[in-house]
Amino acid sequence: MNQQELISRLAQPSDRRVVLFVLDGVGDIRTEKQPKTALEAARLPNFDELARRSALGRIVPVAQGVTPGSGPGHLALFGYDPTHPEADIGRGVLEALGLDLDVRLGDLAIRGNFATADADGRLTDRRAGAECQRLCRQLQPALADVADLEVVIEPGEEHRFVLILRGSELSPDIADTDPQKTGVPPLAPAALS
């Protein structure tokens, strides 16, 4: 019996509402510069009160020491096996579906962040969101002429956007361009296969 069949067998109908409150990304490590994690340093009266009135739990979505990407990590919360190829979806698909965009089989959906760079091309802000909607409106017509592709760019929350490429023989095997820090230029886009 696969995991989905087991969950379907165990699920019970209920009139009660459930809030799944996920502290995704709150994990941290202590360093010399940061002797306490964010949760250790935080004042948590609201979390403490919520915890007193809740059922609590922790999961390891894949295995100890394995940090899954957003797609597999979030799907694991809902009972999907993140090691199964069907759960290997990326942030672009999640963001596009969250925006209720039309994602078709064979589409390439990419989640991106607008960022700010200085005159030398070094990132000064990896999450520049104030201009997101305007930039998407400006980019859409410019991207309409990409050879043999249908291109959709839609603003998401704050600094995020979704780029959907629709055409033949597209591959998701591309490298991330985010260097994960400021003061350096973005990484060059590169094919991974």
Protein backbone atom coordinates (compact mmCIF):
# COMPACT_ATOMS: atom_id res chain seq x y z
CA MET A 1 0.00 0.00 0.00
CA ASN A 2 1.41 3.40 -0.95
CA GLN A 3 1.40 6.39 1.38
CA GLN A 4 -1.58 8.09 -0.32
CA GLU A 5 -3.72 4.94 0.00
CA LEU A 6 -2.81 4.70 3.68
CA ILE A 7 -3.70 8.34 4.31
CA SER A 8 -7.01 7.92 2.44
CA ARG A 9 -7.84 4.89 4.58
CA LEU A 10 -6.97 6.65 7.85
CA ALA A 11 -8.63 10.01 7.09
CA GLN A 12 -11.84 10.69 8.97
CA PRO A 13 -14.48 13.26 8.03
CA SER A 14 -14.86 16.11 10.50
CA ASP A 15 -16.72 19.39 10.86
CA ARG A 16 -13.79 20.87 12.78
CA ARG A 17 -11.44 23.30 11.10
CA VAL A 18 -7.71 22.81 11.13
CA VAL A 19 -4.99 25.41 10.83
CA LEU A 20 -1.65 24.03 9.76
CA PHE A 21 0.86 26.60 10.97
CA VAL A 22 4.24 25.85 9.41
CA LEU A 23 7.36 27.64 10.58
CA ASP A 24 9.11 27.01 7.28
CA GLY A 25 12.55 28.56 7.21
CA VAL A 26 12.71 29.35 10.92
CA GLY A 27 15.44 26.77 11.48
CA ASP A 28 18.80 28.33 12.18
CA ILE A 29 22.22 27.61 13.57
CA ARG A 30 24.31 29.29 16.22
CA THR A 31 27.50 30.98 15.10
CA GLU A 32 30.18 33.02 16.80
CA LYS A 33 28.51 36.21 15.55
CA GLN A 34 25.04 34.87 16.38
CA PRO A 35 25.21 32.92 19.66
CA LYS A 36 21.42 32.38 19.72
CA THR A 37 19.11 31.19 16.96
CA ALA A 38 16.23 33.46 15.97
CA LEU A 39 13.79 31.41 18.04
CA GLU A 40 16.09 31.41 21.07
CA ALA A 41 16.41 35.21 20.90
CA ALA A 42 12.75 35.91 20.13
CA ARG A 43 10.08 36.83 22.65
CA LEU A 44 7.31 34.32 21.96
CA PRO A 45 4.24 35.05 24.12
CA ASN A 46 1.83 34.60 21.21
CA PHE A 47 3.50 31.38 20.05
CA ASP A 48 3.50 30.12 23.63
CA GLU A 49 -0.22 30.83 24.03
CA LEU A 50 -1.02 29.23 20.68
CA ALA A 51 1.05 26.18 21.63
CA ARG A 52 -0.84 25.77 24.92
CA ARG A 53 -4.11 25.50 22.98
CA SER A 54 -2.86 23.34 20.11
CA ALA A 55 -1.70 19.93 19.05
CA LEU A 56 1.94 20.20 18.14
CA GLY A 57 4.27 18.09 16.09
CA ARG A 58 7.46 18.01 14.13
CA ILE A 59 8.30 16.12 10.98
CA VAL A 60 11.42 15.27 9.09
CA PRO A 61 10.16 15.66 5.51
CA VAL A 62 12.82 13.50 3.84
CA ALA A 63 15.51 12.25 6.22
CA GLN A 64 17.77 13.59 8.98
CA GLY A 65 20.23 16.06 7.48
CA VAL A 66 18.42 16.32 4.13
CA THR A 67 16.95 19.74 3.39
CA PRO A 68 14.37 19.43 0.61
CA GLY A 69 13.47 22.23 -1.75
CA SER A 70 10.22 24.09 -1.24
CA GLY A 71 8.18 21.86 -3.55
CA PRO A 72 9.04 18.49 -2.01
CA GLY A 73 9.16 19.96 1.50
CA HIS A 74 5.68 21.41 1.31
CA LEU A 75 4.20 18.36 -0.39
CA ALA A 76 5.63 16.18 2.41
CA LEU A 77 3.50 18.17 4.87
CA PHE A 78 0.43 16.86 3.07
CA GLY A 79 1.52 13.24 2.98
CA TYR A 80 3.31 12.99 -0.34
CA ASP A 81 6.60 11.12 -0.46
CA PRO A 82 9.16 13.83 -1.34
CA THR A 83 11.57 11.23 -2.71
CA HIS A 84 9.04 10.18 -5.35
CA PRO A 85 9.54 11.80 -8.79
CA GLU A 86 5.93 13.10 -8.83
CA ALA A 87 6.71 15.25 -5.78
CA ASP A 88 9.78 16.74 -7.45
CA ILE A 89 8.23 20.05 -8.42
CA GLY A 90 9.84 23.39 -8.08
CA ARG A 91 8.99 26.72 -6.57
CA GLY A 92 7.86 28.04 -9.95
CA VAL A 93 5.03 25.54 -10.22
CA LEU A 94 3.98 26.18 -6.60
CA GLU A 95 4.02 29.95 -7.09
CA ALA A 96 2.14 29.71 -10.42
CA LEU A 97 -0.56 27.48 -8.95
CA GLY A 98 -0.81 29.78 -5.93
CA LEU A 99 -1.51 32.65 -8.34
CA ASP A 100 -4.08 30.49 -10.15
CA LEU A 101 -2.08 30.59 -13.39
CA ASP A 102 -2.58 28.08 -16.18
CA VAL A 103 0.30 25.59 -15.96
CA ARG A 104 0.27 22.90 -18.64
CA LEU A 105 2.19 19.69 -19.12
CA GLY A 106 5.53 20.62 -20.68
CA ASP A 107 5.52 24.22 -19.40
CA LEU A 108 8.55 25.57 -17.62
CA ALA A 109 7.48 27.62 -14.59
CA ILE A 110 10.19 29.67 -12.90
CA ARG A 111 9.81 31.61 -9.67
CA GLY A 112 12.05 34.64 -9.58
CA ASN A 113 12.90 37.57 -7.36
CA PHE A 114 13.36 41.10 -8.57
CA ALA A 115 16.56 42.50 -7.12
CA THR A 116 18.38 45.83 -7.10
CA ALA A 117 21.93 46.17 -8.42
CA ASP A 118 24.39 49.04 -8.26
CA ALA A 119 26.06 50.66 -11.29
CA ASP A 120 28.68 47.88 -11.35
CA GLY A 121 26.04 45.14 -11.42
CA ARG A 122 26.52 44.05 -7.79
CA LEU A 123 23.35 43.18 -5.90
CA THR A 124 22.39 45.66 -3.21
CA ASP A 125 19.00 44.09 -2.40
CA ARG A 126 18.10 40.50 -3.31
CA ARG A 127 14.40 41.09 -2.66
CA ALA A 128 13.36 44.39 -4.23
CA GLY A 129 9.59 44.27 -4.37
CA ALA A 130 8.33 47.82 -4.68
CA GLU A 131 8.41 47.75 -8.49
CA CYS A 132 7.31 44.15 -9.10
CA GLN A 133 3.96 44.81 -10.78
CA ARG A 134 5.30 47.63 -12.93
CA LEU A 135 8.30 45.56 -14.05
CA CYS A 136 6.12 42.60 -15.00
CA ARG A 137 3.85 44.88 -17.05
CA GLN A 138 6.91 46.31 -18.84
CA LEU A 139 8.58 42.95 -19.41
CA GLN A 140 5.52 41.09 -20.77
CA PRO A 141 5.46 42.83 -24.20
CA ALA A 142 9.25 42.63 -24.49
CA LEU A 143 9.14 38.88 -23.86
CA ALA A 144 6.30 38.29 -26.33
CA ASP A 145 8.74 38.02 -29.24
CA VAL A 146 10.91 35.19 -27.87
CA ALA A 147 11.27 32.76 -30.78
CA ASP A 148 8.84 29.83 -30.78
CA LEU A 149 7.79 30.38 -27.17
CA GLU A 150 4.72 31.65 -25.42
CA VAL A 151 5.93 33.68 -22.43
CA VAL A 152 3.90 34.80 -19.43
CA ILE A 153 5.33 36.87 -16.59
CA GLU A 154 3.10 37.56 -13.58
CA PRO A 155 3.82 39.38 -10.33
CA GLY A 156 3.53 37.38 -7.13
CA GLU A 157 3.80 38.57 -3.55
CA GLU A 158 6.22 41.41 -2.83
CA HIS A 159 9.42 40.84 -4.85
CA ARG A 160 8.41 37.50 -6.40
CA PHE A 161 7.29 36.80 -9.93
CA VAL A 162 6.51 33.76 -12.05
CA LEU A 163 7.84 33.27 -15.55
CA ILE A 164 6.06 30.60 -17.58
CA LEU A 165 7.66 29.43 -20.80
CA ARG A 166 5.48 27.38 -23.12
CA GLY A 167 7.02 25.66 -26.12
CA SER A 168 8.64 22.43 -27.22
CA GLU A 169 11.66 20.73 -25.69
CA LEU A 170 12.01 22.97 -22.63
CA SER A 171 14.08 21.70 -19.72
CA PRO A 172 13.99 22.68 -16.05
CA ASP A 173 17.69 21.82 -15.75
CA ILE A 174 18.95 25.36 -15.24
CA ALA A 175 21.13 26.79 -12.50
CA ASP A 176 19.91 29.32 -9.97
CA THR A 177 21.23 32.84 -10.57
CA ASP A 178 20.86 34.00 -6.95
CA PRO A 179 24.32 34.20 -5.31
CA GLN A 180 22.59 34.17 -1.88
CA LYS A 181 24.34 37.37 -0.81
CA THR A 182 24.64 41.05 -1.69
CA GLY A 183 27.73 42.90 -2.87
CA VAL A 184 28.31 40.49 -5.76
CA PRO A 185 26.75 40.22 -9.22
CA PRO A 186 24.05 37.62 -9.90
CA LEU A 187 25.32 34.29 -11.13
CA ALA A 188 25.21 33.72 -14.87
CA PRO A 189 22.33 31.51 -16.03
CA ALA A 190 23.65 28.11 -17.05
CA ALA A 191 22.24 24.86 -18.37
CA LEU A 192 22.76 21.91 -16.01
CA SER A 193 22.31 19.32 -18.74
